[in-house]
Amino acid sequence: MTPTFSIPNIRLFIAFKVFFNSRFYYPVFTILFLDFGLTVAQFSILNAVWAATIVLAEVPSGALADIIGRKQLLVFATSIMIIEIGIISFIPKTDPSIIFIVFLINRVLSGLAEAAA
């Protein structure tokens, strides 16, 4: 019998899950959002959008995994996560409405990545 951790795909999947869930801003998530000038109400809306996106994308992402394969969906989730983190790195702090829209896009992408993963 082959030891479980000697199978390359299992090691890669474990590494994926560890790095996927280690988003750099999660420990200071609320502070980061509020520091950009968002209100607590806006922060709550963004988190509701994130949760709704996950719920709405779970079944379609499962169907997509059946069509294109689980591995391709994980690659998609990783790509979306990189974009999600990347867009908040370049937010201009000059216009509050742009800040909310960028964080809204961030939360939708994060929800899609969670559902796909």
N, C-alpha and C. Protein backbone atom coordinates (compact mmCIF):
# COMPACT_ATOMS: atom_id res chain seq x y z
N MET A 1 0.85 -1.19 0.00
CA MET A 1 0.00 0.00 0.00
C MET A 1 0.89 1.25 0.00
N THR A 2 0.55 2.21 -0.82
CA THR A 2 1.32 3.44 -0.95
C THR A 2 0.95 4.40 0.18
N PRO A 3 1.95 4.96 0.87
CA PRO A 3 1.64 5.97 1.90
C PRO A 3 0.96 7.18 1.24
N THR A 4 -0.04 7.70 1.91
CA THR A 4 -0.87 8.78 1.36
C THR A 4 -0.04 9.98 0.95
N PHE A 5 0.89 10.41 1.78
CA PHE A 5 1.63 11.64 1.50
C PHE A 5 2.72 11.46 0.45
N SER A 6 2.92 10.25 -0.03
CA SER A 6 3.89 10.05 -1.10
C SER A 6 3.25 10.28 -2.47
N ILE A 7 1.95 10.44 -2.52
CA ILE A 7 1.25 10.70 -3.79
C ILE A 7 1.35 12.20 -4.07
N PRO A 8 1.98 12.58 -5.20
CA PRO A 8 2.23 14.01 -5.49
C PRO A 8 0.98 14.88 -5.47
N ASN A 9 -0.13 14.39 -6.03
CA ASN A 9 -1.33 15.22 -6.06
C ASN A 9 -1.89 15.50 -4.67
N ILE A 10 -1.72 14.58 -3.76
CA ILE A 10 -2.19 14.82 -2.39
C ILE A 10 -1.34 15.90 -1.74
N ARG A 11 -0.03 15.82 -1.91
CA ARG A 11 0.85 16.87 -1.36
C ARG A 11 0.52 18.22 -1.98
N LEU A 12 0.30 18.26 -3.28
CA LEU A 12 -0.03 19.52 -3.96
C LEU A 12 -1.37 20.07 -3.47
N PHE A 13 -2.35 19.19 -3.27
CA PHE A 13 -3.66 19.66 -2.80
C PHE A 13 -3.57 20.22 -1.39
N ILE A 14 -2.81 19.58 -0.54
CA ILE A 14 -2.63 20.09 0.82
C ILE A 14 -1.94 21.44 0.79
N ALA A 15 -0.91 21.57 -0.03
CA ALA A 15 -0.23 22.87 -0.17
C ALA A 15 -1.20 23.93 -0.70
N PHE A 16 -2.01 23.56 -1.67
CA PHE A 16 -3.01 24.48 -2.20
C PHE A 16 -3.94 24.98 -1.11
N LYS A 17 -4.49 24.06 -0.33
CA LYS A 17 -5.44 24.45 0.72
C LYS A 17 -4.78 25.33 1.79
N VAL A 18 -3.53 25.04 2.14
CA VAL A 18 -2.83 25.85 3.13
C VAL A 18 -2.62 27.27 2.59
N PHE A 19 -2.09 27.38 1.37
CA PHE A 19 -1.83 28.71 0.81
C PHE A 19 -3.10 29.43 0.41
N PHE A 20 -4.10 28.70 -0.03
CA PHE A 20 -5.36 29.32 -0.42
C PHE A 20 -6.03 30.02 0.76
N ASN A 21 -5.94 29.40 1.92
CA ASN A 21 -6.58 29.97 3.10
C ASN A 21 -5.66 30.91 3.88
N SER A 22 -4.49 31.25 3.36
CA SER A 22 -3.58 32.15 4.05
C SER A 22 -3.55 33.52 3.39
N ARG A 23 -4.66 34.09 3.19
CA ARG A 23 -4.68 35.42 2.59
C ARG A 23 -4.08 36.41 3.58
N PHE A 24 -3.21 37.24 3.07
CA PHE A 24 -2.40 38.09 3.94
C PHE A 24 -3.23 39.08 4.76
N TYR A 25 -4.37 39.47 4.28
CA TYR A 25 -5.11 40.51 4.97
C TYR A 25 -6.17 39.98 5.94
N TYR A 26 -6.39 38.70 6.01
CA TYR A 26 -7.45 38.19 6.89
C TYR A 26 -7.26 38.51 8.37
N PRO A 27 -6.05 38.48 8.91
CA PRO A 27 -5.93 38.83 10.34
C PRO A 27 -6.34 40.28 10.66
N VAL A 28 -6.21 41.17 9.69
CA VAL A 28 -6.57 42.57 9.91
C VAL A 28 -7.67 43.00 8.94
N PHE A 29 -8.49 42.05 8.57
CA PHE A 29 -9.53 42.21 7.57
C PHE A 29 -10.43 43.42 7.84
N THR A 30 -11.03 43.49 8.98
CA THR A 30 -11.95 44.58 9.30
C THR A 30 -11.22 45.91 9.37
N ILE A 31 -10.09 45.92 10.01
CA ILE A 31 -9.31 47.15 10.13
C ILE A 31 -8.91 47.67 8.75
N LEU A 32 -8.49 46.78 7.87
CA LEU A 32 -8.10 47.17 6.52
C LEU A 32 -9.26 47.83 5.79
N PHE A 33 -10.42 47.19 5.82
CA PHE A 33 -11.57 47.73 5.12
C PHE A 33 -11.98 49.08 5.70
N LEU A 34 -12.01 49.19 7.00
CA LEU A 34 -12.42 50.44 7.63
C LEU A 34 -11.37 51.53 7.45
N ASP A 35 -10.11 51.16 7.39
CA ASP A 35 -9.04 52.13 7.18
C ASP A 35 -9.11 52.76 5.79
N PHE A 36 -9.69 52.07 4.85
CA PHE A 36 -9.89 52.63 3.51
C PHE A 36 -11.07 53.59 3.47
N GLY A 37 -11.75 53.77 4.60
CA GLY A 37 -12.85 54.73 4.66
C GLY A 37 -14.22 54.13 4.55
N LEU A 38 -14.31 52.81 4.51
CA LEU A 38 -15.62 52.18 4.46
C LEU A 38 -16.29 52.27 5.82
N THR A 39 -17.60 52.35 5.81
CA THR A 39 -18.34 52.37 7.06
C THR A 39 -18.58 50.93 7.52
N VAL A 40 -19.02 50.79 8.75
CA VAL A 40 -19.33 49.45 9.26
C VAL A 40 -20.50 48.86 8.46
N ALA A 41 -21.45 49.70 8.07
CA ALA A 41 -22.57 49.22 7.25
C ALA A 41 -22.08 48.71 5.90
N GLN A 42 -21.17 49.44 5.26
CA GLN A 42 -20.62 48.99 3.99
C GLN A 42 -19.85 47.69 4.15
N PHE A 43 -19.08 47.60 5.24
CA PHE A 43 -18.34 46.38 5.52
C PHE A 43 -19.30 45.19 5.66
N SER A 44 -20.41 45.41 6.34
CA SER A 44 -21.41 44.36 6.53
C SER A 44 -22.03 43.96 5.19
N ILE A 45 -22.33 44.95 4.35
CA ILE A 45 -22.88 44.67 3.02
C ILE A 45 -21.89 43.83 2.21
N LEU A 46 -20.62 44.20 2.26
CA LEU A 46 -19.60 43.47 1.51
C LEU A 46 -19.52 42.01 1.97
N ASN A 47 -19.61 41.79 3.26
CA ASN A 47 -19.55 40.42 3.76
C ASN A 47 -20.81 39.63 3.43
N ALA A 48 -21.96 40.30 3.37
CA ALA A 48 -23.19 39.64 2.94
C ALA A 48 -23.10 39.26 1.47
N VAL A 49 -22.53 40.14 0.66
CA VAL A 49 -22.34 39.85 -0.77
C VAL A 49 -21.39 38.66 -0.94
N TRP A 50 -20.32 38.63 -0.15
CA TRP A 50 -19.36 37.53 -0.19
C TRP A 50 -20.06 36.20 0.12
N ALA A 51 -20.85 36.18 1.20
CA ALA A 51 -21.54 34.95 1.59
C ALA A 51 -22.56 34.54 0.54
N ALA A 52 -23.31 35.50 0.00
CA ALA A 52 -24.31 35.18 -1.02
C ALA A 52 -23.64 34.65 -2.29
N THR A 53 -22.50 35.21 -2.64
CA THR A 53 -21.78 34.73 -3.82
C THR A 53 -21.37 33.27 -3.65
N ILE A 54 -20.89 32.93 -2.47
CA ILE A 54 -20.50 31.53 -2.22
C ILE A 54 -21.71 30.61 -2.36
N VAL A 55 -22.82 30.99 -1.73
CA VAL A 55 -24.03 30.15 -1.77
C VAL A 55 -24.52 29.99 -3.21
N LEU A 56 -24.55 31.09 -3.95
CA LEU A 56 -25.07 31.04 -5.32
C LEU A 56 -24.13 30.33 -6.30
N ALA A 57 -22.83 30.30 -5.99
CA ALA A 57 -21.86 29.70 -6.92
C ALA A 57 -21.50 28.26 -6.58
N GLU A 58 -21.95 27.74 -5.45
CA GLU A 58 -21.56 26.38 -5.06
C GLU A 58 -22.02 25.32 -6.06
N VAL A 59 -23.29 25.30 -6.40
CA VAL A 59 -23.80 24.28 -7.31
C VAL A 59 -23.23 24.45 -8.72
N PRO A 60 -23.23 25.68 -9.27
CA PRO A 60 -22.62 25.83 -10.59
C PRO A 60 -21.13 25.45 -10.63
N SER A 61 -20.41 25.73 -9.56
CA SER A 61 -18.99 25.36 -9.56
C SER A 61 -18.82 23.85 -9.50
N GLY A 62 -19.72 23.16 -8.83
CA GLY A 62 -19.68 21.70 -8.82
C GLY A 62 -19.96 21.12 -10.20
N ALA A 63 -20.93 21.72 -10.88
CA ALA A 63 -21.23 21.27 -12.25
C ALA A 63 -20.05 21.56 -13.18
N LEU A 64 -19.43 22.72 -12.98
CA LEU A 64 -18.28 23.08 -13.79
C LEU A 64 -17.11 22.12 -13.54
N ALA A 65 -16.96 21.69 -12.30
CA ALA A 65 -15.91 20.71 -11.99
C ALA A 65 -16.17 19.40 -12.71
N ASP A 66 -17.44 19.02 -12.85
CA ASP A 66 -17.76 17.80 -13.58
C ASP A 66 -17.45 17.94 -15.07
N ILE A 67 -17.60 19.15 -15.59
CA ILE A 67 -17.39 19.38 -17.02
C ILE A 67 -15.91 19.54 -17.36
N ILE A 68 -15.22 20.43 -16.63
CA ILE A 68 -13.82 20.73 -16.99
C ILE A 68 -12.80 20.00 -16.12
N GLY A 69 -13.26 19.44 -15.02
CA GLY A 69 -12.35 18.72 -14.13
C GLY A 69 -12.03 19.52 -12.87
N ARG A 70 -11.83 18.80 -11.80
CA ARG A 70 -11.55 19.42 -10.49
C ARG A 70 -10.24 20.19 -10.51
N LYS A 71 -9.23 19.64 -11.14
CA LYS A 71 -7.92 20.29 -11.17
C LYS A 71 -8.01 21.65 -11.86
N GLN A 72 -8.71 21.71 -12.99
CA GLN A 72 -8.85 22.98 -13.71
C GLN A 72 -9.63 23.99 -12.88
N LEU A 73 -10.60 23.52 -12.12
CA LEU A 73 -11.37 24.44 -11.27
C LEU A 73 -10.50 24.98 -10.13
N LEU A 74 -9.59 24.17 -9.61
CA LEU A 74 -8.66 24.64 -8.58
C LEU A 74 -7.69 25.67 -9.14
N VAL A 75 -7.27 25.47 -10.38
CA VAL A 75 -6.41 26.46 -11.04
C VAL A 75 -7.19 27.77 -11.21
N PHE A 76 -8.45 27.66 -11.61
CA PHE A 76 -9.31 28.83 -11.74
C PHE A 76 -9.46 29.54 -10.39
N ALA A 77 -9.71 28.79 -9.33
CA ALA A 77 -9.86 29.37 -7.99
C ALA A 77 -8.60 30.11 -7.57
N THR A 78 -7.45 29.52 -7.85
CA THR A 78 -6.18 30.16 -7.51
C THR A 78 -6.00 31.46 -8.29
N SER A 79 -6.33 31.43 -9.57
CA SER A 79 -6.20 32.64 -10.40
C SER A 79 -7.11 33.75 -9.90
N ILE A 80 -8.34 33.38 -9.57
CA ILE A 80 -9.30 34.37 -9.06
C ILE A 80 -8.81 34.94 -7.73
N MET A 81 -8.23 34.09 -6.88
CA MET A 81 -7.73 34.56 -5.59
C MET A 81 -6.59 35.56 -5.78
N ILE A 82 -5.71 35.30 -6.73
CA ILE A 82 -4.59 36.22 -6.99
C ILE A 82 -5.13 37.56 -7.48
N ILE A 83 -6.11 37.53 -8.36
CA ILE A 83 -6.72 38.77 -8.84
C ILE A 83 -7.42 39.50 -7.69
N GLU A 84 -8.14 38.74 -6.87
CA GLU A 84 -8.87 39.31 -5.73
C GLU A 84 -7.93 40.07 -4.80
N ILE A 85 -6.80 39.47 -4.48
CA ILE A 85 -5.84 40.12 -3.59
C ILE A 85 -5.14 41.27 -4.31
N GLY A 86 -4.86 41.06 -5.59
CA GLY A 86 -4.16 42.08 -6.36
C GLY A 86 -4.92 43.38 -6.50
N ILE A 87 -6.23 43.30 -6.69
CA ILE A 87 -6.97 44.54 -6.93
C ILE A 87 -7.02 45.45 -5.71
N ILE A 88 -6.99 44.87 -4.53
CA ILE A 88 -7.01 45.75 -3.36
C ILE A 88 -5.64 46.36 -3.08
N SER A 89 -4.64 45.87 -3.77
CA SER A 89 -3.30 46.44 -3.60
C SER A 89 -3.15 47.77 -4.33
N PHE A 90 -4.03 48.05 -5.26
CA PHE A 90 -3.90 49.24 -6.09
C PHE A 90 -5.10 50.17 -6.01
N ILE A 91 -5.83 50.13 -4.90
CA ILE A 91 -7.01 50.99 -4.75
C ILE A 91 -6.56 52.43 -4.52
N PRO A 92 -7.06 53.36 -5.35
CA PRO A 92 -6.77 54.77 -5.06
C PRO A 92 -7.66 55.24 -3.90
N LYS A 93 -7.07 55.88 -2.92
CA LYS A 93 -7.83 56.30 -1.74
C LYS A 93 -8.53 57.64 -1.94
N THR A 94 -8.57 58.13 -3.18
CA THR A 94 -9.12 59.47 -3.41
C THR A 94 -10.62 59.50 -3.53
N ASP A 95 -11.25 58.47 -4.07
CA ASP A 95 -12.69 58.49 -4.31
C ASP A 95 -13.38 57.36 -3.52
N PRO A 96 -14.18 57.71 -2.50
CA PRO A 96 -14.83 56.68 -1.68
C PRO A 96 -15.75 55.74 -2.46
N SER A 97 -16.39 56.23 -3.52
CA SER A 97 -17.29 55.35 -4.28
C SER A 97 -16.49 54.30 -5.05
N ILE A 98 -15.33 54.67 -5.55
CA ILE A 98 -14.47 53.71 -6.24
C ILE A 98 -13.96 52.67 -5.24
N ILE A 99 -13.63 53.12 -4.05
CA ILE A 99 -13.14 52.19 -3.02
C ILE A 99 -14.19 51.12 -2.73
N PHE A 100 -15.44 51.53 -2.57
CA PHE A 100 -16.50 50.55 -2.28
C PHE A 100 -16.68 49.59 -3.46
N ILE A 101 -16.66 50.10 -4.67
CA ILE A 101 -16.84 49.25 -5.86
C ILE A 101 -15.70 48.24 -5.98
N VAL A 102 -14.47 48.69 -5.73
CA VAL A 102 -13.32 47.77 -5.81
C VAL A 102 -13.43 46.70 -4.74
N PHE A 103 -13.82 47.08 -3.52
CA PHE A 103 -13.99 46.08 -2.48
C PHE A 103 -15.17 45.16 -2.77
N LEU A 104 -16.20 45.67 -3.44
CA LEU A 104 -17.32 44.83 -3.84
C LEU A 104 -16.85 43.78 -4.85
N ILE A 105 -16.07 44.21 -5.82
CA ILE A 105 -15.49 43.26 -6.79
C ILE A 105 -14.60 42.25 -6.06
N ASN A 106 -13.81 42.73 -5.11
CA ASN A 106 -12.95 41.86 -4.30
C ASN A 106 -13.76 40.78 -3.60
N ARG A 107 -14.87 41.15 -3.00
CA ARG A 107 -15.69 40.20 -2.25
C ARG A 107 -16.38 39.20 -3.17
N VAL A 108 -16.83 39.65 -4.34
CA VAL A 108 -17.45 38.73 -5.30
C VAL A 108 -16.41 37.72 -5.80
N LEU A 109 -15.23 38.22 -6.15
CA LEU A 109 -14.17 37.32 -6.61
C LEU A 109 -13.76 36.34 -5.51
N SER A 110 -13.71 36.83 -4.27
CA SER A 110 -13.36 35.96 -3.15
C SER A 110 -14.42 34.87 -2.97
N GLY A 111 -15.68 35.24 -3.10
CA GLY A 111 -16.75 34.26 -2.99
C GLY A 111 -16.70 33.22 -4.11
N LEU A 112 -16.40 33.67 -5.33
CA LEU A 112 -16.27 32.74 -6.45
C LEU A 112 -15.09 31.79 -6.24
N ALA A 113 -13.99 32.33 -5.73
CA ALA A 113 -12.82 31.48 -5.46
C ALA A 113 -13.12 30.46 -4.38
N GLU A 114 -13.81 30.88 -3.33
CA GLU A 114 -14.18 29.94 -2.26
C GLU A 114 -15.08 28.84 -2.79
N ALA A 115 -16.07 29.21 -3.59
CA ALA A 115 -16.99 28.21 -4.14
C ALA A 115 -16.25 27.26 -5.08
N ALA A 116 -15.36 27.78 -5.88
CA ALA A 116 -14.62 26.94 -6.82
C ALA A 116 -13.65 26.01 -6.11
N ALA A 117 -13.11 26.45 -5.01
CA ALA A 117 -12.13 25.62 -4.28
C ALA A 117 -12.83 24.55 -3.48
